[in-house]
Amino acid sequence: YYDTMELAAPLLGIDVLPSEPTHSLKLDPLYLVPGHDQQLKITFDSGDDFVTAGMLQLACSEGITMITPGEDPSDSEWLKQCDVNLGSFKPGEKRSVTTHI
């Protein structure tokens, strides 16, 4: 309750407008060739958003396996799923993760 006659101090008002997220995720290549080991590059772009934490969860469909991003495919274990911690982002930052499929 604010009575303007009792308290003559002005009120400070702030309007907060809702916004749509601007971050994005890009895959390269967009399709896989059956029967071939391939590199898959996943790029996260924060756009105009502040991202405080991010976790990329990779899961393969039936018949597909992957190497944990950053591991050497010649001496690593092939997995059906893995989690990659992306950390935090400032606006305009991009981070890429490369895995073998």
PDB file of N, CA and C in Angstrom:
ATOM      1  N   TYR A   1       0.850  -1.184   0.000  1.00  0.00           N
ATOM      2  CA  TYR A   1       0.000   0.000   0.000  1.00  0.00           C
ATOM      3  C   TYR A   1       0.884   1.231   0.000  1.00  0.00           C
ATOM      4  N   TYR A   2       0.621   2.192  -0.861  1.00  0.00           N
ATOM      5  CA  TYR A   2       1.411   3.416  -0.979  1.00  0.00           C
ATOM      6  C   TYR A   2       0.470   4.605  -1.046  1.00  0.00           C
ATOM      7  N   ASP A   3       0.512   5.418  -0.027  1.00  0.00           N
ATOM      8  CA  ASP A   3      -0.328   6.614   0.025  1.00  0.00           C
ATOM      9  C   ASP A   3       0.515   7.817  -0.385  1.00  0.00           C
ATOM     10  N   THR A   4       0.196   8.449  -1.511  1.00  0.00           N
ATOM     11  CA  THR A   4       0.995   9.559  -2.025  1.00  0.00           C
ATOM     12  C   THR A   4       0.922  10.794  -1.146  1.00  0.00           C
ATOM     13  N   MET A   5      -0.094  10.891  -0.346  1.00  0.00           N
ATOM     14  CA  MET A   5      -0.213  12.059   0.535  1.00  0.00           C
ATOM     15  C   MET A   5       0.701  11.923   1.743  1.00  0.00           C
ATOM     16  N   GLU A   6       0.939  10.699   2.226  1.00  0.00           N
ATOM     17  CA  GLU A   6       1.786  10.490   3.403  1.00  0.00           C
ATOM     18  C   GLU A   6       3.267  10.435   3.042  1.00  0.00           C
ATOM     19  N   LEU A   7       3.570   9.855   1.923  1.00  0.00           N
ATOM     20  CA  LEU A   7       4.961   9.656   1.534  1.00  0.00           C
ATOM     21  C   LEU A   7       5.139  10.263   0.137  1.00  0.00           C
ATOM     22  N   ALA A   8       5.812  11.397   0.088  1.00  0.00           N
ATOM     23  CA  ALA A   8       5.921  12.135  -1.162  1.00  0.00           C
ATOM     24  C   ALA A   8       7.077  11.659  -2.055  1.00  0.00           C
ATOM     25  N   ALA A   9       7.789  10.624  -1.658  1.00  0.00           N
ATOM     26  CA  ALA A   9       8.914  10.132  -2.468  1.00  0.00           C
ATOM     27  C   ALA A   9       8.396   9.451  -3.739  1.00  0.00           C
ATOM     28  N   PRO A  10       9.061   9.693  -4.841  1.00  0.00           N
ATOM     29  CA  PRO A  10       8.606   9.051  -6.080  1.00  0.00           C
ATOM     30  C   PRO A  10       8.895   7.549  -6.064  1.00  0.00           C
ATOM     31  N   LEU A  11       8.081   6.808  -6.780  1.00  0.00           N
ATOM     32  CA  LEU A  11       8.297   5.372  -6.917  1.00  0.00           C
ATOM     33  C   LEU A  11       9.125   5.112  -8.166  1.00  0.00           C
ATOM     34  N   LEU A  12      10.063   4.185  -8.061  1.00  0.00           N
ATOM     35  CA  LEU A  12      10.873   3.785  -9.200  1.00  0.00           C
ATOM     36  C   LEU A  12      10.217   2.579  -9.844  1.00  0.00           C
ATOM     37  N   GLY A  13      10.004   2.635 -11.133  1.00  0.00           N
ATOM     38  CA  GLY A  13       9.384   1.513 -11.831  1.00  0.00           C
ATOM     39  C   GLY A  13      10.308   0.984 -12.917  1.00  0.00           C
ATOM     40  N   ILE A  14      10.329  -0.318 -13.070  1.00  0.00           N
ATOM     41  CA  ILE A  14      11.129  -0.958 -14.111  1.00  0.00           C
ATOM     42  C   ILE A  14      10.222  -1.899 -14.888  1.00  0.00           C
ATOM     43  N   ASP A  15      10.209  -1.743 -16.185  1.00  0.00           N
ATOM     44  CA  ASP A  15       9.448  -2.645 -17.043  1.00  0.00           C
ATOM     45  C   ASP A  15      10.391  -3.705 -17.586  1.00  0.00           C
ATOM     46  N   VAL A  16      10.051  -4.966 -17.389  1.00  0.00           N
ATOM     47  CA  VAL A  16      10.843  -6.075 -17.912  1.00  0.00           C
ATOM     48  C   VAL A  16      10.030  -6.717 -19.025  1.00  0.00           C
ATOM     49  N   LEU A  17      10.598  -6.719 -20.200  1.00  0.00           N
ATOM     50  CA  LEU A  17       9.915  -7.282 -21.351  1.00  0.00           C
ATOM     51  C   LEU A  17      10.373  -8.717 -21.568  1.00  0.00           C
ATOM     52  N   PRO A  18       9.446  -9.623 -21.804  1.00  0.00           N
ATOM     53  CA  PRO A  18       9.847 -11.009 -22.074  1.00  0.00           C
ATOM     54  C   PRO A  18      10.580 -11.087 -23.407  1.00  0.00           C
ATOM     55  N   SER A  19      11.500 -12.043 -23.490  1.00  0.00           N
ATOM     56  CA  SER A  19      12.233 -12.200 -24.741  1.00  0.00           C
ATOM     57  C   SER A  19      12.339 -13.674 -25.100  1.00  0.00           C
ATOM     58  N   GLU A  20      12.529 -13.926 -26.364  1.00  0.00           N
ATOM     59  CA  GLU A  20      12.717 -15.290 -26.858  1.00  0.00           C
ATOM     60  C   GLU A  20      14.201 -15.643 -26.756  1.00  0.00           C
ATOM     61  N   PRO A  21      14.523 -16.890 -26.463  1.00  0.00           N
ATOM     62  CA  PRO A  21      15.931 -17.277 -26.423  1.00  0.00           C
ATOM     63  C   PRO A  21      16.565 -17.154 -27.811  1.00  0.00           C
ATOM     64  N   THR A  22      17.844 -16.787 -27.844  1.00  0.00           N
ATOM     65  CA  THR A  22      18.541 -16.618 -29.119  1.00  0.00           C
ATOM     66  C   THR A  22      19.659 -17.640 -29.305  1.00  0.00           C
ATOM     67  N   HIS A  23      19.868 -18.532 -28.343  1.00  0.00           N
ATOM     68  CA  HIS A  23      20.944 -19.511 -28.494  1.00  0.00           C
ATOM     69  C   HIS A  23      20.558 -20.588 -29.511  1.00  0.00           C
ATOM     70  N   SER A  24      21.590 -21.243 -30.063  1.00  0.00           N
ATOM     71  CA  SER A  24      21.319 -22.248 -31.088  1.00  0.00           C
ATOM     72  C   SER A  24      22.339 -23.381 -31.038  1.00  0.00           C
ATOM     73  N   LEU A  25      21.975 -24.491 -31.654  1.00  0.00           N
ATOM     74  CA  LEU A  25      22.802 -25.685 -31.734  1.00  0.00           C
ATOM     75  C   LEU A  25      22.900 -26.074 -33.205  1.00  0.00           C
ATOM     76  N   LYS A  26      24.127 -26.315 -33.693  1.00  0.00           N
ATOM     77  CA  LYS A  26      24.333 -26.632 -35.102  1.00  0.00           C
ATOM     78  C   LYS A  26      25.090 -27.946 -35.219  1.00  0.00           C
ATOM     79  N   LEU A  27      24.633 -28.826 -36.106  1.00  0.00           N
ATOM     80  CA  LEU A  27      25.290 -30.105 -36.365  1.00  0.00           C
ATOM     81  C   LEU A  27      25.955 -30.060 -37.738  1.00  0.00           C
ATOM     82  N   ASP A  28      27.151 -30.669 -37.838  1.00  0.00           N
ATOM     83  CA  ASP A  28      27.843 -30.755 -39.111  1.00  0.00           C
ATOM     84  C   ASP A  28      28.575 -32.087 -39.186  1.00  0.00           C
ATOM     85  N   PRO A  29      28.261 -32.977 -40.065  1.00  0.00           N
ATOM     86  CA  PRO A  29      27.295 -32.905 -41.153  1.00  0.00           C
ATOM     87  C   PRO A  29      25.875 -33.124 -40.643  1.00  0.00           C
ATOM     88  N   LEU A  30      24.911 -32.772 -41.475  1.00  0.00           N
ATOM     89  CA  LEU A  30      23.509 -32.908 -41.099  1.00  0.00           C
ATOM     90  C   LEU A  30      22.990 -34.336 -41.235  1.00  0.00           C
ATOM     91  N   TYR A  31      23.708 -35.179 -41.972  1.00  0.00           N
ATOM     92  CA  TYR A  31      23.292 -36.572 -42.114  1.00  0.00           C
ATOM     93  C   TYR A  31      24.530 -37.471 -42.044  1.00  0.00           C
ATOM     94  N   LEU A  32      24.320 -38.740 -41.718  1.00  0.00           N
ATOM     95  CA  LEU A  32      25.409 -39.713 -41.611  1.00  0.00           C
ATOM     96  C   LEU A  32      25.324 -40.705 -42.764  1.00  0.00           C
ATOM     97  N   VAL A  33      26.487 -41.169 -43.216  1.00  0.00           N
ATOM     98  CA  VAL A  33      26.549 -42.171 -44.267  1.00  0.00           C
ATOM     99  C   VAL A  33      26.622 -43.543 -43.597  1.00  0.00           C
ATOM    100  N   PRO A  34      25.675 -44.428 -43.840  1.00  0.00           N
ATOM    101  CA  PRO A  34      25.663 -45.743 -43.178  1.00  0.00           C
ATOM    102  C   PRO A  34      26.938 -46.548 -43.454  1.00  0.00           C
ATOM    103  N   GLY A  35      27.441 -47.192 -42.405  1.00  0.00           N
ATOM    104  CA  GLY A  35      28.587 -48.080 -42.534  1.00  0.00           C
ATOM    105  C   GLY A  35      29.938 -47.399 -42.491  1.00  0.00           C
ATOM    106  N   HIS A  36      30.001 -46.093 -42.249  1.00  0.00           N
ATOM    107  CA  HIS A  36      31.273 -45.364 -42.225  1.00  0.00           C
ATOM    108  C   HIS A  36      31.477 -44.690 -40.876  1.00  0.00           C
ATOM    109  N   ASP A  37      32.735 -44.709 -40.372  1.00  0.00           N
ATOM    110  CA  ASP A  37      33.075 -43.917 -39.192  1.00  0.00           C
ATOM    111  C   ASP A  37      33.191 -42.468 -39.636  1.00  0.00           C
ATOM    112  N   GLN A  38      32.529 -41.560 -38.912  1.00  0.00           N
ATOM    113  CA  GLN A  38      32.501 -40.162 -39.302  1.00  0.00           C
ATOM    114  C   GLN A  38      32.690 -39.254 -38.109  1.00  0.00           C
ATOM    115  N   GLN A  39      33.213 -38.066 -38.373  1.00  0.00           N
ATOM    116  CA  GLN A  39      33.298 -37.038 -37.348  1.00  0.00           C
ATOM    117  C   GLN A  39      32.000 -36.248 -37.344  1.00  0.00           C
ATOM    118  N   LEU A  40      31.497 -35.950 -36.157  1.00  0.00           N
ATOM    119  CA  LEU A  40      30.305 -35.130 -35.999  1.00  0.00           C
ATOM    120  C   LEU A  40      30.693 -33.925 -35.154  1.00  0.00           C
ATOM    121  N   LYS A  41      30.518 -32.733 -35.716  1.00  0.00           N
ATOM    122  CA  LYS A  41      30.847 -31.502 -35.008  1.00  0.00           C
ATOM    123  C   LYS A  41      29.550 -30.846 -34.551  1.00  0.00           C
ATOM    124  N   ILE A  42      29.469 -30.560 -33.256  1.00  0.00           N
ATOM    125  CA  ILE A  42      28.296 -29.922 -32.665  1.00  0.00           C
ATOM    126  C   ILE A  42      28.740 -28.570 -32.128  1.00  0.00           C
ATOM    127  N   THR A  43      28.123 -27.495 -32.615  1.00  0.00           N
ATOM    128  CA  THR A  43      28.502 -26.146 -32.196  1.00  0.00           C
ATOM    129  C   THR A  43      27.340 -25.497 -31.468  1.00  0.00           C
ATOM    130  N   PHE A  44      27.613 -24.988 -30.263  1.00  0.00           N
ATOM    131  CA  PHE A  44      26.614 -24.268 -29.477  1.00  0.00           C
ATOM    132  C   PHE A  44      26.968 -22.790 -29.547  1.00  0.00           C
ATOM    133  N   ASP A  45      25.994 -21.958 -29.932  1.00  0.00           N
ATOM    134  CA  ASP A  45      26.156 -20.508 -30.020  1.00  0.00           C
ATOM    135  C   ASP A  45      25.209 -19.870 -29.017  1.00  0.00           C
ATOM    136  N   SER A  46      25.741 -19.072 -28.103  1.00  0.00           N
ATOM    137  CA  SER A  46      24.895 -18.480 -27.063  1.00  0.00           C
ATOM    138  C   SER A  46      24.026 -17.334 -27.569  1.00  0.00           C
ATOM    139  N   GLY A  47      24.307 -16.812 -28.777  1.00  0.00           N
ATOM    140  CA  GLY A  47      23.502 -15.708 -29.306  1.00  0.00           C
ATOM    141  C   GLY A  47      23.601 -14.490 -28.407  1.00  0.00           C
ATOM    142  N   ASP A  48      22.476 -13.935 -28.024  1.00  0.00           N
ATOM    143  CA  ASP A  48      22.446 -12.775 -27.126  1.00  0.00           C
ATOM    144  C   ASP A  48      22.187 -13.171 -25.677  1.00  0.00           C
ATOM    145  N   ASP A  49      22.204 -14.484 -25.391  1.00  0.00           N
ATOM    146  CA  ASP A  49      21.839 -14.978 -24.067  1.00  0.00           C
ATOM    147  C   ASP A  49      23.055 -15.163 -23.163  1.00  0.00           C
ATOM    148  N   PHE A  50      22.839 -14.977 -21.865  1.00  0.00           N
ATOM    149  CA  PHE A  50      23.798 -15.405 -20.849  1.00  0.00           C
ATOM    150  C   PHE A  50      23.393 -16.820 -20.467  1.00  0.00           C
ATOM    151  N   VAL A  51      24.284 -17.774 -20.600  1.00  0.00           N
ATOM    152  CA  VAL A  51      23.997 -19.164 -20.249  1.00  0.00           C
ATOM    153  C   VAL A  51      24.831 -19.486 -19.007  1.00  0.00           C
ATOM    154  N   THR A  52      24.154 -19.811 -17.914  1.00  0.00           N
ATOM    155  CA  THR A  52      24.861 -20.051 -16.660  1.00  0.00           C
ATOM    156  C   THR A  52      25.431 -21.458 -16.559  1.00  0.00           C
ATOM    157  N   ALA A  53      24.826 -22.424 -17.232  1.00  0.00           N
ATOM    158  CA  ALA A  53      25.334 -23.797 -17.228  1.00  0.00           C
ATOM    159  C   ALA A  53      24.701 -24.543 -18.392  1.00  0.00           C
ATOM    160  N   GLY A  54      25.453 -25.480 -18.934  1.00  0.00           N
ATOM    161  CA  GLY A  54      24.908 -26.258 -20.035  1.00  0.00           C
ATOM    162  C   GLY A  54      25.456 -27.669 -20.040  1.00  0.00           C
ATOM    163  N   MET A  55      24.601 -28.628 -20.325  1.00  0.00           N
ATOM    164  CA  MET A  55      24.996 -30.037 -20.417  1.00  0.00           C
ATOM    165  C   MET A  55      24.470 -30.572 -21.749  1.00  0.00           C
ATOM    166  N   LEU A  56      25.381 -31.080 -22.565  1.00  0.00           N
ATOM    167  CA  LEU A  56      25.016 -31.680 -23.844  1.00  0.00           C
ATOM    168  C   LEU A  56      24.907 -33.181 -23.629  1.00  0.00           C
ATOM    169  N   GLN A  57      23.718 -33.733 -23.841  1.00  0.00           N
ATOM    170  CA  GLN A  57      23.485 -35.164 -23.665  1.00  0.00           C
ATOM    171  C   GLN A  57      23.379 -35.801 -25.042  1.00  0.00           C
ATOM    172  N   LEU A  58      24.338 -36.660 -25.349  1.00  0.00           N
ATOM    173  CA  LEU A  58      24.375 -37.334 -26.642  1.00  0.00           C
ATOM    174  C   LEU A  58      23.913 -38.768 -26.464  1.00  0.00           C
ATOM    175  N   ALA A  59      22.980 -39.207 -27.284  1.00  0.00           N
ATOM    176  CA  ALA A  59      22.465 -40.574 -27.233  1.00  0.00           C
ATOM    177  C   ALA A  59      22.313 -41.093 -28.659  1.00  0.00           C
ATOM    178  N   CYS A  60      22.768 -42.309 -28.882  1.00  0.00           N
ATOM    179  CA  CYS A  60      22.734 -42.902 -30.223  1.00  0.00           C
ATOM    180  C   CYS A  60      21.493 -43.768 -30.402  1.00  0.00           C
ATOM    181  N   SER A  61      20.974 -43.769 -31.609  1.00  0.00           N
ATOM    182  CA  SER A  61      19.877 -44.669 -31.931  1.00  0.00           C
ATOM    183  C   SER A  61      20.442 -46.068 -32.175  1.00  0.00           C
ATOM    184  N   GLU A  62      19.558 -47.014 -32.381  1.00  0.00           N
ATOM    185  CA  GLU A  62      19.971 -48.406 -32.539  1.00  0.00           C
ATOM    186  C   GLU A  62      20.930 -48.560 -33.720  1.00  0.00           C
ATOM    187  N   GLY A  63      22.021 -49.284 -33.491  1.00  0.00           N
ATOM    188  CA  GLY A  63      23.012 -49.544 -34.527  1.00  0.00           C
ATOM    189  C   GLY A  63      24.101 -48.496 -34.635  1.00  0.00           C
ATOM    190  N   ILE A  64      24.043 -47.452 -33.825  1.00  0.00           N
ATOM    191  CA  ILE A  64      25.045 -46.382 -33.869  1.00  0.00           C
ATOM    192  C   ILE A  64      25.733 -46.285 -32.508  1.00  0.00           C
ATOM    193  N   THR A  65      27.053 -46.109 -32.528  1.00  0.00           N
ATOM    194  CA  THR A  65      27.825 -45.868 -31.305  1.00  0.00           C
ATOM    195  C   THR A  65      28.752 -44.686 -31.546  1.00  0.00           C
ATOM    196  N   MET A  66      29.334 -44.139 -30.478  1.00  0.00           N
ATOM    197  CA  MET A  66      30.187 -42.960 -30.588  1.00  0.00           C
ATOM    198  C   MET A  66      31.366 -43.052 -29.631  1.00  0.00           C
ATOM    199  N   ILE A  67      32.346 -42.222 -29.901  1.00  0.00           N
ATOM    200  CA  ILE A  67      33.490 -42.041 -29.013  1.00  0.00           C
ATOM    201  C   ILE A  67      33.228 -40.762 -28.223  1.00  0.00           C
ATOM    202  N   THR A  68      33.564 -40.764 -26.938  1.00  0.00           N
ATOM    203  CA  THR A  68      33.406 -39.563 -26.114  1.00  0.00           C
ATOM    204  C   THR A  68      34.152 -38.400 -26.765  1.00  0.00           C
ATOM    205  N   PRO A  69      33.553 -37.219 -26.873  1.00  0.00           N
ATOM    206  CA  PRO A  69      34.222 -36.076 -27.499  1.00  0.00           C
ATOM    207  C   PRO A  69      35.593 -35.808 -26.870  1.00  0.00           C
ATOM    208  N   GLY A  70      36.559 -35.562 -27.732  1.00  0.00           N
ATOM    209  CA  GLY A  70      37.919 -35.286 -27.275  1.00  0.00           C
ATOM    210  C   GLY A  70      38.791 -36.517 -27.136  1.00  0.00           C
ATOM    211  N   GLU A  71      38.218 -37.699 -27.256  1.00  0.00           N
ATOM    212  CA  GLU A  71      38.983 -38.947 -27.132  1.00  0.00           C
ATOM    213  C   GLU A  71      39.472 -39.398 -28.508  1.00  0.00           C
ATOM    214  N   ASP A  72      40.556 -40.167 -28.502  1.00  0.00           N
ATOM    215  CA  ASP A  72      41.112 -40.714 -29.734  1.00  0.00           C
ATOM    216  C   ASP A  72      40.331 -41.969 -30.123  1.00  0.00           C
ATOM    217  N   PRO A  73      39.772 -42.014 -31.334  1.00  0.00           N
ATOM    218  CA  PRO A  73      38.949 -43.169 -31.727  1.00  0.00           C
ATOM    219  C   PRO A  73      39.725 -44.485 -31.822  1.00  0.00           C
ATOM    220  N   SER A  74      41.046 -44.419 -31.979  1.00  0.00           N
ATOM    221  CA  SER A  74      41.819 -45.658 -32.130  1.00  0.00           C
ATOM    222  C   SER A  74      42.008 -46.403 -30.812  1.00  0.00           C
ATOM    223  N   ASP A  75      41.937 -45.714 -29.683  1.00  0.00           N
ATOM    224  CA  ASP A  75      42.143 -46.406 -28.411  1.00  0.00           C
ATOM    225  C   ASP A  75      41.081 -46.074 -27.358  1.00  0.00           C
ATOM    226  N   SER A  76      39.869 -45.720 -27.792  1.00  0.00           N
ATOM    227  CA  SER A  76      38.791 -45.388 -26.855  1.00  0.00           C
ATOM    228  C   SER A  76      37.639 -46.375 -26.999  1.00  0.00           C
ATOM    229  N   GLU A  77      36.786 -46.371 -25.998  1.00  0.00           N
ATOM    230  CA  GLU A  77      35.617 -47.256 -25.986  1.00  0.00           C
ATOM    231  C   GLU A  77      34.449 -46.601 -26.720  1.00  0.00           C
ATOM    232  N   TRP A  78      33.759 -47.390 -27.545  1.00  0.00           N
ATOM    233  CA  TRP A  78      32.577 -46.912 -28.253  1.00  0.00           C
ATOM    234  C   TRP A  78      31.378 -47.005 -27.316  1.00  0.00           C
ATOM    235  N   LEU A  79      30.601 -45.924 -27.222  1.00  0.00           N
ATOM    236  CA  LEU A  79      29.497 -45.833 -26.260  1.00  0.00           C
ATOM    237  C   LEU A  79      28.168 -45.573 -26.966  1.00  0.00           C
ATOM    238  N   LYS A  80      27.067 -45.867 -26.284  1.00  0.00           N
ATOM    239  CA  LYS A  80      25.719 -45.562 -26.775  1.00  0.00           C
ATOM    240  C   LYS A  80      25.268 -44.155 -26.364  1.00  0.00           C
ATOM    241  N   GLN A  81      25.838 -43.643 -25.259  1.00  0.00           N
ATOM    242  CA  GLN A  81      25.457 -42.308 -24.796  1.00  0.00           C
ATOM    243  C   GLN A  81      26.565 -41.707 -23.955  1.00  0.00           C
ATOM    244  N   CYS A  82      26.592 -40.385 -23.873  1.00  0.00           N
ATOM    245  CA  CYS A  82      27.541 -39.688 -22.989  1.00  0.00           C
ATOM    246  C   CYS A  82      27.032 -38.275 -22.732  1.00  0.00           C
ATOM    247  N   ASP A  83      27.539 -37.670 -21.677  1.00  0.00           N
ATOM    248  CA  ASP A  83      27.202 -36.298 -21.302  1.00  0.00           C
ATOM    249  C   ASP A  83      28.450 -35.437 -21.421  1.00  0.00           C
ATOM    250  N   VAL A  84      28.292 -34.219 -21.948  1.00  0.00           N
ATOM    251  CA  VAL A  84      29.403 -33.285 -22.099  1.00  0.00           C
ATOM    252  C   VAL A  84      29.016 -31.992 -21.393  1.00  0.00           C
ATOM    253  N   ASN A  85      29.822 -31.579 -20.416  1.00  0.00           N
ATOM    254  CA  ASN A  85      29.572 -30.341 -19.689  1.00  0.00           C
ATOM    255  C   ASN A  85      30.048 -29.174 -20.548  1.00  0.00           C
ATOM    256  N   LEU A  86      29.143 -28.281 -20.911  1.00  0.00           N
ATOM    257  CA  LEU A  86      29.491 -27.130 -21.739  1.00  0.00           C
ATOM    258  C   LEU A  86      29.911 -25.918 -20.918  1.00  0.00           C
ATOM    259  N   GLY A  87      29.553 -25.883 -19.643  1.00  0.00           N
ATOM    260  CA  GLY A  87      29.911 -24.752 -18.802  1.00  0.00           C
ATOM    261  C   GLY A  87      29.014 -23.550 -19.047  1.00  0.00           C
ATOM    262  N   SER A  88      29.537 -22.366 -18.744  1.00  0.00           N
ATOM    263  CA  SER A  88      28.743 -21.136 -18.906  1.00  0.00           C
ATOM    264  C   SER A  88      29.230 -20.367 -20.135  1.00  0.00           C
ATOM    265  N   PHE A  89      28.348 -19.495 -20.648  1.00  0.00           N
ATOM    266  CA  PHE A  89      28.628 -18.711 -21.847  1.00  0.00           C
ATOM    267  C   PHE A  89      28.227 -17.264 -21.625  1.00  0.00           C
ATOM    268  N   LYS A  90      28.993 -16.363 -22.192  1.00  0.00           N
ATOM    269  CA  LYS A  90      28.596 -14.962 -22.277  1.00  0.00           C
ATOM    270  C   LYS A  90      27.934 -14.759 -23.644  1.00  0.00           C
ATOM    271  N   PRO A  91      27.200 -13.673 -23.835  1.00  0.00           N
ATOM    272  CA  PRO A  91      26.584 -13.440 -25.141  1.00  0.00           C
ATOM    273  C   PRO A  91      27.636 -13.428 -26.262  1.00  0.00           C
ATOM    274  N   GLY A  92      27.291 -14.082 -27.371  1.00  0.00           N
ATOM    275  CA  GLY A  92      28.180 -14.121 -28.522  1.00  0.00           C
ATOM    276  C   GLY A  92      29.220 -15.222 -28.519  1.00  0.00           C
ATOM    277  N   GLU A  93      29.307 -15.994 -27.449  1.00  0.00           N
ATOM    278  CA  GLU A  93      30.303 -17.070 -27.381  1.00  0.00           C
ATOM    279  C   GLU A  93      29.831 -18.303 -28.128  1.00  0.00           C
ATOM    280  N   LYS A  94      30.801 -19.016 -28.721  1.00  0.00           N
ATOM    281  CA  LYS A  94      30.525 -20.280 -29.392  1.00  0.00           C
ATOM    282  C   LYS A  94      31.488 -21.324 -28.845  1.00  0.00           C
ATOM    283  N   ARG A  95      31.011 -22.555 -28.775  1.00  0.00           N
ATOM    284  CA  ARG A  95      31.841 -23.675 -28.333  1.00  0.00           C
ATOM    285  C   ARG A  95      31.489 -24.881 -29.184  1.00  0.00           C
ATOM    286  N   SER A  96      32.538 -25.577 -29.671  1.00  0.00           N
ATOM    287  CA  SER A  96      32.334 -26.749 -30.517  1.00  0.00           C
ATOM    288  C   SER A  96      32.812 -28.009 -29.816  1.00  0.00           C
ATOM    289  N   VAL A  97      32.099 -29.095 -30.083  1.00  0.00           N
ATOM    290  CA  VAL A  97      32.418 -30.412 -29.562  1.00  0.00           C
ATOM    291  C   VAL A  97      32.469 -31.350 -30.779  1.00  0.00           C
ATOM    292  N   THR A  98      33.548 -32.130 -30.882  1.00  0.00           N
ATOM    293  CA  THR A  98      33.676 -33.071 -32.001  1.00  0.00           C
ATOM    294  C   THR A  98      33.739 -34.493 -31.460  1.00  0.00           C
ATOM    295  N   THR A  99      32.929 -35.351 -32.036  1.00  0.00           N
ATOM    296  CA  THR A  99      32.898 -36.760 -31.642  1.00  0.00           C
ATOM    297  C   THR A  99      32.953 -37.615 -32.896  1.00  0.00           C
ATOM    298  N   HIS A 100      33.300 -38.864 -32.705  1.00  0.00           N
ATOM    299  CA  HIS A 100      33.319 -39.817 -33.827  1.00  0.00           C
ATOM    300  C   HIS A 100      32.099 -40.733 -33.698  1.00  0.00           C
ATOM    301  N   ILE A 101      31.395 -40.906 -34.811  1.00  0.00           N
ATOM    302  CA  ILE A 101      30.190 -41.727 -34.872  1.00  0.00           C
ATOM    303  C   ILE A 101      30.456 -42.934 -35.753  1.00  0.00           C
TER     304      ILE A 101
END
